[in-house]
Amino acid sequence: MGTGRTLNKAPRTRPIKSQGEKRRRVKAQRARLVKFGMDPAVVAKMIPEKVRVLVQKPARVKKSLAKAAEKAAAKTDAPAE
């Protein structure tokens, strides 16, 4: 089974990614992180590589957010000295 001619026709097989499309993808990924429960201000300051890594593991993000919320709740419940 040969590869044929398709892979030799460069513009047809591998379209060049545009910056506009990249911005659209990053914006959608940031929106996904906000839907998971992350703070929008924190997500806005993240670099795109970090956003991409976090979106790949949504269960890990939700788990870390739950742990942070639990920690914050424990901190507010502690009596002031």
Protein backbone atom coordinates (compact mmCIF):
# COMPACT_ATOMS: atom_id res chain seq x y z
CA MET A 1 0.00 0.00 0.00
CA GLY A 2 1.80 3.12 -1.22
CA THR A 3 1.37 6.68 -0.04
CA GLY A 4 0.49 7.91 -3.48
CA ARG A 5 0.68 11.45 -4.78
CA THR A 6 -1.40 13.16 -2.12
CA LEU A 7 1.40 13.64 0.39
CA ASN A 8 3.67 15.20 -2.26
CA LYS A 9 1.25 18.06 -2.94
CA ALA A 10 2.26 20.28 -0.02
CA PRO A 11 -0.43 22.97 0.09
CA ARG A 12 -3.23 20.44 -0.29
CA THR A 13 -2.21 18.13 2.51
CA ARG A 14 -0.75 20.39 5.18
CA PRO A 15 -2.52 23.75 5.33
CA ILE A 16 -0.59 26.48 7.11
CA LYS A 17 -2.05 27.44 10.47
CA SER A 18 -3.04 31.09 10.70
CA GLN A 19 -2.55 33.34 13.72
CA GLY A 20 -6.26 34.09 13.79
CA GLU A 21 -7.10 30.41 14.11
CA LYS A 22 -4.50 30.03 16.86
CA ARG A 23 -6.03 32.93 18.82
CA ARG A 24 -9.48 31.39 18.38
CA ARG A 25 -8.28 28.03 19.73
CA VAL A 26 -6.53 29.62 22.73
CA LYS A 27 -9.64 31.69 23.49
CA ALA A 28 -11.81 28.55 23.42
CA GLN A 29 -9.34 26.71 25.67
CA ARG A 30 -9.31 29.59 28.17
CA ALA A 31 -13.12 29.57 28.21
CA ARG A 32 -13.02 25.83 28.93
CA LEU A 33 -10.76 26.40 31.94
CA VAL A 34 -13.14 29.05 33.28
CA LYS A 35 -16.02 26.57 32.89
CA PHE A 36 -14.02 24.07 34.97
CA GLY A 37 -14.12 26.63 37.77
CA MET A 38 -10.83 28.49 37.49
CA ASP A 39 -10.70 32.21 38.20
CA PRO A 40 -10.94 34.19 34.91
CA ALA A 41 -8.26 36.65 36.07
CA VAL A 42 -5.82 33.79 36.70
CA VAL A 43 -6.60 32.16 33.36
CA ALA A 44 -6.14 35.47 31.52
CA LYS A 45 -2.58 35.80 32.83
CA MET A 46 -1.54 32.26 31.83
CA ILE A 47 0.70 31.63 28.85
CA PRO A 48 -0.91 29.62 26.02
CA GLU A 49 1.34 26.58 26.60
CA LYS A 50 0.17 26.30 30.21
CA VAL A 51 -3.47 26.67 29.13
CA ARG A 52 -3.04 23.89 26.56
CA VAL A 53 -1.52 21.52 29.13
CA LEU A 54 -4.31 22.16 31.65
CA VAL A 55 -7.09 21.64 29.10
CA GLN A 56 -5.64 18.23 28.23
CA LYS A 57 -6.28 16.95 31.78
CA PRO A 58 -9.65 18.32 32.95
CA ALA A 59 -9.96 15.82 35.81
CA ARG A 60 -6.64 16.98 37.23
CA VAL A 61 -7.75 20.63 37.03
CA LYS A 62 -11.05 19.92 38.81
CA LYS A 63 -9.23 17.92 41.48
CA SER A 64 -6.73 20.70 42.15
CA LEU A 65 -9.54 23.29 42.30
CA ALA A 66 -11.44 21.15 44.79
CA LYS A 67 -8.30 20.80 46.90
CA ALA A 68 -7.71 24.58 46.80
CA ALA A 69 -11.34 25.25 47.77
CA GLU A 70 -11.07 22.78 50.64
CA LYS A 71 -7.87 24.43 51.83
CA ALA A 72 -9.46 27.89 51.66
CA ALA A 73 -12.51 26.68 53.57
CA ALA A 74 -10.30 25.19 56.28
CA LYS A 75 -8.38 28.44 56.52
CA THR A 76 -11.54 30.52 57.04
CA ASP A 77 -12.94 28.04 59.59
CA ALA A 78 -9.78 28.21 61.72
CA PRO A 79 -10.18 30.41 64.83
CA ALA A 80 -8.29 33.71 64.75
CA GLU A 81 -5.54 34.00 67.34
